[in-house]
Every structure is written in C-alpha cells, then in structure tokens.
Amino acid sequence: MTDDRSRLLIGRRAFTLGLAGSAFLAGAGLFAPPVFAQQAAQPFPKWVETFRARARARGVSDATYNKVFGGLKPDTSVYAQDRNQEEFTEQSWQYLNRRVSDWRIATGKQKAKQYSGLFDRIEQAFGVDRRVMLGYWGMESAYGEVLDNPKHMKPIFNSLAALAWGDARRRKYWEAELLNALVIVERGWGTPQEMTGSWAGAMGHTQWMPEVWLNMGVDFDGDGRISPFGKPDDALAGTANYLVKRGKYRRGEPWGFEAKLPGNFNSDLADNKTRRPLSQWGELGLTTIEGQSLSAYDEPARLWLPGGPGGPALLLLHNFFAVRSYNPSSNYALAVVHLGDRVMGEGPFVASWPGGERALTLAEIQEIQQRLTAAGFNTGGSDGRVGADTMRAVRAFQQKAGITPADGYASLTVLNALRQGR
C-alpha cells in the first residue's frame, strides 16, 4: 500500500502533506464592539424579576439567581466605555510588533518550559500544536498576567446584566450569555465573585465567553469542575477543544508559511480569498522562503500580503483559518501563530515590511515608558508591555512633539524624540 505523502520543510520543521493528486479535504469567537442604543423597557429591579422566569427555564434555581442578583447594580459604564473607546489604527507590522513583543516571546518560552507536560497532554488529546496554544495564551491574557488586574477585568454579571437590560440592538445575545453565566454558577463551576472579565464578559486565561465555557470547556485537571481561571489546564484544553470542534483544526498540519515570490509576480493574485493548490502557486513561481519547490503538493492555500507588495508573502493553509475561528481577524490569527512560532524558536519573517521598522526591544519599550512617565504622561507602569495606557501616553506625546501620524505607536521615532527631550 503506497502512502502519497511527503515532507515539506518550513523553517526548522518538517510537516507531512499530501502529494499532488492525493485527496485532501478542504475545509464564537470575539465580536466587534456594538454601537449601544441604551433603551431599557423597564426599571432594572423589575427587569430582574421578569428575567427570573427565563433563568428558571434554563434550570437555574431561585437560590442561585438570588445569590447572583442580590444587591447587584448594573455596570452602565459599559455603554460609555463602548461609545468612547479610542481608535488606534495599526498597520499589520505595527499590530505584530506590539503583540509579538520581546516580553511575550521571553515569557512564552518560560511558560512553554514550565507547562511542557500540560502541552504534551493537550497535543495528545486534541492534536493542537503547543505553539498555537502559547500564542492564544499570550495574546488573550499575557499568560494570565492581567487576570487579577481590576483595570482590565471587572465582575461580568454587572456588565452582562447591564447589556441584557439596556442594549436594545443586541439584547438577545446578551440575554443568552447572561443565562449561560447563570448556568455556570448553578453547576458550581464558578462564583459571581470570581467570574471577572472584559466589559463584554470574556473570562480567564484564554478569554472565554460564557457560552464557550459552558459548551467547549474541559475538566482537564480532573478537579470536578471546569474553570478558565486558576491553573491554565482547563482554559488551554477547552480552547484546543474549541479549535478542533468549531475551527476544524487538523492534527499535525502547519498554519501556513512565508513564501518567496518571483520578480514578475502579479500581486493582484494575493487577495487572501482565492484558494489554489500549492502546486499551482508553484507553477506561478512561488517557493518556500528557503527556496523549496511546491510542485509536489496540492493542499489548497490562500496567498496574503499583509503589508502589501514587497513585504512578507504568506501562504495560508487550513489551520490558519481554524485559528482565525477564535476571532474573525486575519491580523489577530497571524499574531497568534507568529507569536507561537517565535516562542518555539522560529525567527521573524524574512521579508521586511514596506514602510515598517523593527520591533523595539523590551529595554527600549521600558525606556519609552519611563521617559514618558518622567515627562508627566501616564503609561500605567514600565513593564515593557504596550497596552492602552501606554498607547494613549504615546499619542499625547506625539501630538505635543508634532510627530505625525499621532497613532499611539511606540516607535523608534518616539524613543529618539524622548531622548532628545522634545
């Protein structure tokens, strides 16, 4: 019996892929923030009593309902938080530089070593490569670092109750998630006090919405309950379960790879929509970045130039879109897989980004934060992680110093201006 499979070398790794002519099957994440139209049909206390019947129908006892809603005040700041949230427009290279940072890479290496046994078990049980799980963990919660930070995490019942009560446009969605959260408490998997998360209700190491916790969660540490908090076992295993069941992730396959384009390539073909077998991309002159021919492989792939012509050229395979199922953003998915690759020892993309610049080192980001703080701008600390506080401080400094665009990006230009005392 012949096995029509071959090995494609990508970076330091070799993957088994189907040869041309073999059969290969082609194959809710996070939501964009809504525009709120605060419109409550009745006062909050009356709404709470009316909503009780919905909870009973889902099997939530009055005792649990009273425990959750007793003394609860709706966090109506979620309306203003959404309406007034600042926009930071980032190009793909900026998005990656800020997220695939020295801090995340170094911390990810520590976590990969510390939890190597857990990742062994996840790979065996679900087939999801540890580099993908490390990418999610680093992206979603900075490996759990933000979970105890009240600036980032707030009681989710106060938020979800406000949204279910007052967001007329997406009330059904918020009501469903509030009910899911109540069922979680009813099952004894979480308490109202420990269930903290984003303004929209995403919780834990990999930022589960209640529906994901309830339906995709896995008791991977065997303690009798499922929790995205505490030890990362359940959170990472549940996310792997999500990828397999909802993203249709395929064991042992790469997300894709950086390709080399021929000099006369028509960049209009790189639309990140059209799937062609790798062999057809090879006929158009593409190879791996190392120069390996693609003529023997027929897996369908999309070609994406995230920075435009002249930058990295990426051939995206099935598992890239499995990763993207967690959050419908190609930049997000690219950051996840690239962060995971860097944590596991791969280098940056070979092609440079048009108009881009290298990522700042951890020490350089910390220097920017320290100099901004000394100049009276609030960065929220100098830990080398660029969050919203640092971006606001950078933008305010850019505006004061006349640096354009004032986009909040902590760049070499910003660092040099600070050093010059501008």
Protein backbone atom coordinates (compact mmCIF):
# COMPACT_ATOMS: atom_id res chain seq x y z
CA MET A 1 0.00 0.00 0.00
CA THR A 2 1.51 3.33 -1.05
CA ASP A 3 1.32 6.49 1.08
CA ASP A 4 1.01 9.57 -1.11
CA ARG A 5 2.53 11.86 1.49
CA SER A 6 5.72 13.91 1.52
CA ARG A 7 7.59 16.21 3.81
CA LEU A 8 7.50 19.98 3.40
CA LEU A 9 10.24 21.80 5.28
CA ILE A 10 9.08 25.06 6.84
CA GLY A 11 11.68 26.84 8.91
CA ARG A 12 13.11 24.21 11.24
CA ARG A 13 10.08 21.95 10.99
CA ALA A 14 9.05 19.28 8.54
CA PHE A 15 5.36 18.57 8.01
CA THR A 16 3.72 15.65 6.29
CA LEU A 17 1.50 16.95 3.49
CA GLY A 18 -0.35 15.28 0.65
CA LEU A 19 1.34 14.92 -2.71
CA ALA A 20 -0.32 16.35 -5.80
CA GLY A 21 -3.11 14.06 -6.89
CA SER A 22 -3.97 12.80 -3.39
CA ALA A 23 -7.28 13.51 -1.70
CA PHE A 24 -7.17 16.39 0.79
CA LEU A 25 -10.33 17.66 2.43
CA ALA A 26 -10.74 21.40 2.36
CA GLY A 27 -12.26 22.66 4.85
CA ALA A 28 -17.96 32.27 18.53
CA GLY A 29 -15.13 33.91 18.69
CA LEU A 30 -14.92 37.50 19.76
CA PHE A 31 -17.29 40.15 18.48
CA ALA A 32 -16.72 43.66 17.26
CA PRO A 33 -17.97 46.07 19.94
CA PRO A 34 -21.61 47.04 19.34
CA VAL A 35 -22.94 50.56 18.99
CA PHE A 36 -25.17 50.84 22.03
CA ALA A 37 -28.63 52.28 21.98
CA GLN A 38 -29.35 52.24 25.68
CA GLN A 39 -33.04 51.53 25.85
CA ALA A 40 -34.37 49.74 28.91
CA ALA A 41 -38.04 48.87 28.67
CA GLN A 42 -38.48 48.83 32.45
CA PRO A 43 -36.61 49.76 35.62
CA PHE A 44 -33.74 47.41 36.44
CA PRO A 45 -35.27 45.81 39.59
CA LYS A 46 -38.45 44.98 37.69
CA TRP A 47 -36.42 43.62 34.76
CA VAL A 48 -34.50 41.37 37.19
CA GLU A 49 -37.73 39.86 38.47
CA THR A 50 -39.11 39.43 34.97
CA PHE A 51 -35.90 37.76 33.80
CA ARG A 52 -36.10 35.21 36.64
CA ALA A 53 -38.54 33.11 34.61
CA ARG A 54 -36.00 32.82 31.80
CA ALA A 55 -33.40 31.62 34.28
CA ARG A 56 -35.79 29.05 35.79
CA ALA A 57 -36.45 27.69 32.31
CA ARG A 58 -32.69 27.06 31.97
CA GLY A 59 -32.61 25.15 35.25
CA VAL A 60 -31.27 27.97 37.41
CA SER A 61 -32.60 27.76 40.95
CA ASP A 62 -34.03 30.75 42.79
CA ALA A 63 -31.22 30.34 45.32
CA THR A 64 -28.58 30.77 42.61
CA TYR A 65 -30.49 33.62 41.00
CA ASN A 66 -30.79 35.45 44.31
CA LYS A 67 -27.11 34.88 45.04
CA VAL A 68 -26.14 36.47 41.74
CA PHE A 69 -28.61 39.35 41.67
CA GLY A 70 -28.86 40.14 45.37
CA GLY A 71 -27.52 43.70 45.65
CA LEU A 72 -26.22 43.65 42.05
CA LYS A 73 -26.04 47.01 40.33
CA PRO A 74 -25.83 47.11 36.52
CA ASP A 75 -22.49 48.41 35.35
CA THR A 76 -23.82 51.03 32.97
CA SER A 77 -20.27 52.27 32.34
CA VAL A 78 -20.13 49.61 29.61
CA TYR A 79 -22.28 51.90 27.42
CA ALA A 80 -19.92 54.86 27.71
CA GLN A 81 -16.89 52.58 27.53
CA ASP A 82 -18.03 51.36 24.15
CA ARG A 83 -19.14 54.73 22.79
CA ASN A 84 -15.97 56.48 23.88
CA GLN A 85 -13.36 53.82 23.27
CA GLU A 86 -10.38 55.22 21.46
CA GLU A 87 -9.45 54.11 17.98
CA PHE A 88 -5.85 53.18 17.29
CA THR A 89 -5.39 52.36 13.63
CA GLU A 90 -2.49 49.94 13.25
CA GLN A 91 -0.83 48.64 10.14
CA SER A 92 -0.14 44.91 10.13
CA TRP A 93 3.53 45.32 11.04
CA GLN A 94 2.63 47.60 13.95
CA TYR A 95 -0.03 45.14 15.13
CA LEU A 96 2.52 42.33 15.12
CA ASN A 97 5.36 44.36 16.65
CA ARG A 98 3.19 45.40 19.58
CA ARG A 99 1.88 41.90 20.29
CA VAL A 100 4.75 39.65 19.27
CA SER A 101 6.98 41.56 21.64
CA ASP A 102 10.19 40.64 23.43
CA TRP A 103 8.23 40.35 26.67
CA ARG A 104 5.65 37.97 25.22
CA ILE A 105 8.30 35.86 23.50
CA ALA A 106 10.51 35.59 26.58
CA THR A 107 7.59 34.94 28.94
CA GLY A 108 6.15 32.42 26.49
CA LYS A 109 9.44 30.49 26.50
CA GLN A 110 9.25 30.30 30.29
CA LYS A 111 5.64 29.10 30.18
CA ALA A 112 6.44 26.54 27.47
CA LYS A 113 9.10 25.04 29.73
CA GLN A 114 7.05 25.30 32.93
CA TYR A 115 3.98 23.65 31.40
CA SER A 116 5.64 21.28 28.95
CA GLY A 117 3.82 18.32 30.48
CA LEU A 118 0.45 20.04 30.10
CA PHE A 119 1.17 20.84 26.47
CA ASP A 120 2.19 17.23 25.90
CA ARG A 121 -1.21 16.12 27.17
CA ILE A 122 -3.11 18.70 25.11
CA GLU A 123 -1.27 17.71 21.94
CA GLN A 124 -2.01 14.06 22.60
CA ALA A 125 -5.69 14.63 23.43
CA PHE A 126 -6.61 17.25 20.83
CA GLY A 127 -3.76 17.38 18.32
CA VAL A 128 -3.36 21.15 18.63
CA ASP A 129 0.27 22.26 18.43
CA ARG A 130 1.56 23.86 21.63
CA ARG A 131 2.82 26.86 19.68
CA VAL A 132 -0.80 27.72 18.80
CA MET A 133 -1.88 27.38 22.44
CA LEU A 134 1.02 29.54 23.61
CA GLY A 135 0.07 32.14 21.02
CA TYR A 136 -3.52 32.31 22.26
CA TRP A 137 -2.47 32.42 25.90
CA GLY A 138 -0.02 35.24 25.29
CA MET A 139 -2.44 37.22 23.15
CA GLU A 140 -5.54 36.85 25.28
CA SER A 141 -4.26 37.38 28.81
CA ALA A 142 -0.47 37.86 28.65
CA TYR A 143 -0.18 34.29 30.01
CA GLY A 144 -2.62 35.07 32.80
CA GLU A 145 -0.83 38.22 33.94
CA VAL A 146 -3.86 40.52 33.51
CA LEU A 147 -6.44 38.32 35.24
CA ASP A 148 -6.05 39.96 38.64
CA ASN A 149 -5.82 43.50 37.28
CA PRO A 150 -9.02 45.45 38.03
CA LYS A 151 -8.15 47.90 35.22
CA HIS A 152 -8.72 45.09 32.74
CA MET A 153 -11.14 42.74 34.49
CA LYS A 154 -14.47 43.55 36.13
CA PRO A 155 -17.39 41.50 37.53
CA ILE A 156 -19.05 40.04 34.45
CA PHE A 157 -22.55 39.76 35.94
CA ASN A 158 -22.73 43.52 36.46
CA SER A 159 -21.68 44.02 32.84
CA LEU A 160 -23.85 41.33 31.26
CA ALA A 161 -26.89 42.38 33.29
CA ALA A 162 -26.47 45.97 32.09
CA LEU A 163 -26.13 44.81 28.50
CA ALA A 164 -29.07 42.40 28.64
CA TRP A 165 -31.22 45.06 30.25
CA GLY A 166 -30.16 48.12 28.26
CA ASP A 167 -28.69 47.20 24.87
CA ALA A 168 -31.73 47.05 22.62
CA ARG A 169 -29.80 46.22 19.47
CA ARG A 170 -28.16 43.02 20.75
CA ARG A 171 -30.36 42.24 23.71
CA LYS A 172 -30.99 38.62 22.66
CA TYR A 173 -27.29 37.89 22.50
CA TRP A 174 -26.55 39.44 25.91
CA GLU A 175 -29.55 37.70 27.48
CA ALA A 176 -28.29 34.35 26.18
CA GLU A 177 -24.80 34.96 27.58
CA LEU A 178 -26.21 36.09 30.92
CA LEU A 179 -28.23 32.88 31.11
CA ASN A 180 -25.15 30.84 30.24
CA ALA A 181 -23.24 32.56 33.05
CA LEU A 182 -26.06 31.77 35.49
CA VAL A 183 -25.97 28.11 34.48
CA ILE A 184 -22.23 28.06 35.18
CA VAL A 185 -22.88 29.25 38.74
CA GLU A 186 -25.71 26.73 39.10
CA ARG A 187 -23.32 23.92 38.12
CA GLY A 188 -20.82 25.05 40.72
CA TRP A 189 -18.10 25.82 38.21
CA GLY A 190 -17.74 29.44 39.27
CA THR A 191 -18.93 32.02 41.77
CA PRO A 192 -20.16 35.53 40.96
CA GLN A 193 -17.16 36.93 42.82
CA GLU A 194 -14.51 35.05 40.84
CA MET A 195 -16.21 35.49 37.45
CA THR A 196 -14.42 38.62 36.30
CA GLY A 197 -13.54 39.53 32.74
CA SER A 198 -13.73 42.09 29.98
CA TRP A 199 -16.56 44.59 29.65
CA ALA A 200 -18.30 42.11 27.32
CA GLY A 201 -17.94 39.13 29.65
CA ALA A 202 -14.90 37.26 28.28
CA MET A 203 -13.09 35.45 31.08
CA GLY A 204 -9.94 33.64 32.06
CA HIS A 205 -6.59 32.71 30.56
CA THR A 206 -7.96 32.49 27.01
CA GLN A 207 -10.91 34.86 27.46
CA TRP A 208 -13.95 32.61 27.16
CA MET A 209 -17.42 34.00 26.76
CA PRO A 210 -19.91 32.10 28.98
CA GLU A 211 -21.22 30.11 26.01
CA VAL A 212 -17.73 28.83 25.22
CA TRP A 213 -17.11 27.98 28.90
CA LEU A 214 -20.39 26.11 29.08
CA ASN A 215 -20.19 24.17 25.81
CA MET A 216 -16.49 23.87 24.93
CA GLY A 217 -14.93 23.73 28.37
CA VAL A 218 -12.99 20.66 29.52
CA ASP A 219 -12.22 19.49 33.07
CA PHE A 220 -8.61 18.79 32.14
CA ASP A 221 -7.18 18.96 35.66
CA GLY A 222 -9.77 16.47 36.98
CA ASP A 223 -10.97 18.57 39.91
CA GLY A 224 -14.65 18.02 39.11
CA ARG A 225 -15.40 21.41 37.61
CA ILE A 226 -14.46 23.42 34.55
CA SER A 227 -12.78 26.78 35.06
CA PRO A 228 -10.81 29.19 32.84
CA PHE A 229 -9.24 30.67 35.99
CA GLY A 230 -6.51 29.41 38.30
CA LYS A 231 -4.39 26.68 36.77
CA PRO A 232 -4.32 27.05 32.96
CA ASP A 233 -5.17 23.38 32.33
CA ASP A 234 -8.91 23.76 31.71
CA ALA A 235 -8.57 27.05 29.82
CA LEU A 236 -5.97 25.77 27.37
CA ALA A 237 -7.61 22.38 26.89
CA GLY A 238 -11.02 23.99 26.36
CA THR A 239 -9.57 26.34 23.77
CA ALA A 240 -7.96 23.39 22.00
CA ASN A 241 -11.33 21.65 22.09
CA TYR A 242 -12.92 24.76 20.54
CA LEU A 243 -10.35 24.78 17.75
CA VAL A 244 -10.98 21.14 16.90
CA LYS A 245 -14.79 21.21 17.12
CA ARG A 246 -15.58 24.66 15.76
CA GLY A 247 -12.45 25.58 13.85
CA LYS A 248 -11.94 22.05 12.45
CA TYR A 249 -8.24 22.21 13.34
CA ARG A 250 -6.25 19.35 11.81
CA ARG A 251 -3.59 17.49 13.75
CA GLY A 252 -0.01 17.67 12.50
CA GLU A 253 -0.54 20.36 9.87
CA PRO A 254 1.06 23.82 9.81
CA TRP A 255 -0.88 27.08 9.71
CA GLY A 256 1.00 28.09 6.59
CA PHE A 257 4.38 29.58 5.82
CA GLU A 258 6.26 32.51 4.39
CA ALA A 259 6.79 32.19 0.66
CA LYS A 260 9.18 33.70 -1.86
CA LEU A 261 7.60 35.40 -4.86
CA PRO A 262 9.08 35.62 -8.35
CA GLY A 263 10.19 39.06 -9.51
CA ASN A 264 7.39 39.47 -12.03
CA PHE A 265 4.57 38.29 -9.76
CA ASN A 266 1.12 39.82 -10.18
CA SER A 267 0.23 40.98 -6.66
CA ASP A 268 -3.48 41.06 -7.57
CA LEU A 269 -3.41 37.27 -7.15
CA ALA A 270 -2.67 37.75 -3.43
CA ASP A 271 -6.26 38.51 -2.44
CA ASN A 272 -6.42 36.29 0.68
CA LYS A 273 -9.59 34.84 -0.82
CA THR A 274 -8.73 32.62 -3.76
CA ARG A 275 -7.65 29.10 -2.88
CA ARG A 276 -5.24 27.35 -5.20
CA PRO A 277 -3.35 24.08 -4.68
CA LEU A 278 0.21 24.68 -3.55
CA SER A 279 1.34 23.10 -6.79
CA GLN A 280 -0.47 25.83 -8.76
CA TRP A 281 1.17 28.51 -6.64
CA GLY A 282 4.41 26.75 -7.51
CA GLU A 283 3.59 26.95 -11.20
CA LEU A 284 3.22 30.72 -10.70
CA GLY A 285 6.80 30.80 -9.44
CA LEU A 286 6.30 30.67 -5.65
CA THR A 287 8.57 28.61 -3.38
CA THR A 288 9.02 28.40 0.38
CA ILE A 289 11.13 31.22 1.76
CA GLU A 290 14.05 28.77 1.79
CA GLY A 291 13.52 28.03 -1.90
CA GLN A 292 11.84 24.61 -1.66
CA SER A 293 9.60 23.76 -4.60
CA LEU A 294 5.84 23.48 -4.08
CA SER A 295 5.18 21.46 -7.21
CA ALA A 296 4.57 18.19 -5.34
CA TYR A 297 1.81 19.43 -3.02
CA ASP A 298 -1.87 20.00 -3.66
CA GLU A 299 -3.21 21.36 -0.37
CA PRO A 300 -5.31 24.45 -1.12
CA ALA A 301 -3.84 27.70 0.14
CA ARG A 302 -4.61 31.39 0.02
CA LEU A 303 -1.91 33.97 -0.64
CA TRP A 304 -1.83 37.04 1.59
CA LEU A 305 0.47 40.04 1.50
CA PRO A 306 -0.38 41.64 4.87
CA GLY A 307 1.96 44.58 4.31
CA GLY A 308 1.29 44.95 0.61
CA PRO A 309 3.66 44.23 -2.30
CA GLY A 310 7.28 43.90 -1.27
CA GLY A 311 6.56 42.63 2.24
CA PRO A 312 6.13 39.13 3.66
CA ALA A 313 4.16 36.80 1.39
CA LEU A 314 2.18 34.21 3.34
CA LEU A 315 0.59 31.03 2.02
CA LEU A 316 -2.26 30.28 4.40
CA LEU A 317 -3.37 26.68 4.88
CA HIS A 318 -6.43 25.22 6.58
CA ASN A 319 -5.19 25.60 10.16
CA PHE A 320 -4.69 29.35 9.81
CA PHE A 321 -8.45 29.69 9.41
CA ALA A 322 -9.02 27.23 12.24
CA VAL A 323 -7.02 29.63 14.44
CA ARG A 324 -8.95 32.57 12.99
CA SER A 325 -12.26 30.98 14.08
CA TYR A 326 -11.49 32.21 17.61
CA ASN A 327 -11.53 35.84 16.48
CA PRO A 328 -12.50 36.79 12.91
CA SER A 329 -9.43 38.91 12.21
CA SER A 330 -6.56 37.83 9.98
CA ASN A 331 -4.15 40.12 11.84
CA TYR A 332 -5.21 38.52 15.11
CA ALA A 333 -4.72 34.99 13.76
CA LEU A 334 -1.34 35.95 12.30
CA ALA A 335 -0.23 37.37 15.65
CA VAL A 336 -1.29 34.15 17.41
CA VAL A 337 0.59 31.81 15.08
CA HIS A 338 3.63 34.08 14.71
CA LEU A 339 3.92 34.57 18.46
CA GLY A 340 3.72 30.81 18.94
CA ASP A 341 6.40 30.25 16.30
CA ARG A 342 8.71 32.83 17.92
CA VAL A 343 8.19 31.29 21.36
CA MET A 344 9.19 27.91 19.92
CA GLY A 345 12.41 29.29 18.46
CA GLU A 346 11.49 30.39 14.93
CA GLY A 347 12.81 33.71 13.66
CA PRO A 348 10.92 36.79 12.43
CA PHE A 349 9.62 36.96 8.88
CA VAL A 350 12.46 37.11 6.37
CA ALA A 351 10.98 39.77 4.11
CA SER A 352 10.93 43.28 5.55
CA TRP A 353 7.70 45.25 5.89
CA PRO A 354 7.27 48.14 3.42
CA GLY A 355 7.41 51.33 5.45
CA GLY A 356 7.86 49.31 8.63
CA GLU A 357 10.53 49.23 11.27
CA ARG A 358 11.95 46.61 13.57
CA ALA A 359 10.17 45.79 16.79
CA LEU A 360 11.53 47.60 19.82
CA THR A 361 13.35 45.54 22.43
CA LEU A 362 11.95 45.08 25.89
CA ALA A 363 14.51 47.52 27.27
CA GLU A 364 13.60 50.14 24.66
CA ILE A 365 9.87 49.89 25.40
CA GLN A 366 10.58 50.21 29.11
CA GLU A 367 12.75 53.25 28.40
CA ILE A 368 9.89 54.86 26.46
CA GLN A 369 7.51 54.18 29.35
CA GLN A 370 9.99 55.55 31.92
CA ARG A 371 10.72 58.70 29.90
CA LEU A 372 7.02 59.32 29.23
CA THR A 373 6.25 58.92 32.94
CA ALA A 374 9.04 61.35 33.85
CA ALA A 375 7.58 63.81 31.33
CA GLY A 376 4.17 63.65 33.01
CA PHE A 377 2.40 61.14 30.77
CA ASN A 378 0.61 58.21 32.40
CA THR A 379 1.72 54.88 30.90
CA GLY A 380 0.31 52.75 33.69
CA GLY A 381 3.76 51.37 34.52
CA SER A 382 7.03 50.45 32.83
CA ASP A 383 6.80 46.70 32.46
CA GLY A 384 7.60 46.65 28.75
CA ARG A 385 4.07 45.73 27.71
CA VAL A 386 2.32 48.24 25.48
CA GLY A 387 -1.33 48.47 26.49
CA ALA A 388 -3.97 51.15 26.13
CA ASP A 389 -2.40 53.42 28.78
CA THR A 390 0.95 53.43 27.05
CA MET A 391 -0.65 53.99 23.64
CA ARG A 392 -2.62 56.96 24.98
CA ALA A 393 0.55 58.39 26.53
CA VAL A 394 2.50 57.89 23.30
CA ARG A 395 -0.21 59.59 21.27
CA ALA A 396 -0.35 62.55 23.64
CA PHE A 397 3.44 62.89 23.39
CA GLN A 398 3.33 62.61 19.58
CA GLN A 399 0.76 65.40 19.47
CA LYS A 400 2.84 67.59 21.78
CA ALA A 401 6.07 66.92 19.88
CA GLY A 402 4.49 67.33 16.44
CA ILE A 403 5.18 63.73 15.41
CA THR A 404 2.84 62.52 12.68
CA PRO A 405 0.89 60.42 12.48
CA ALA A 406 -0.10 60.64 16.15
CA ASP A 407 -1.13 56.98 16.15
CA GLY A 408 -0.06 55.88 19.62
CA TYR A 409 2.58 53.51 18.26
CA ALA A 410 5.71 53.29 20.40
CA SER A 411 8.25 53.66 17.61
CA LEU A 412 11.96 54.36 17.25
CA THR A 413 10.98 57.92 16.29
CA VAL A 414 9.16 58.33 19.60
CA LEU A 415 12.11 56.89 21.52
CA ASN A 416 14.61 59.20 19.80
CA ALA A 417 12.38 62.24 20.37
CA LEU A 418 12.14 61.41 24.07
CA ARG A 419 15.88 61.02 24.30
CA GLN A 420 16.30 64.42 22.69
CA GLY A 421 13.96 65.96 25.27
CA ARG A 422 11.37 67.14 22.75
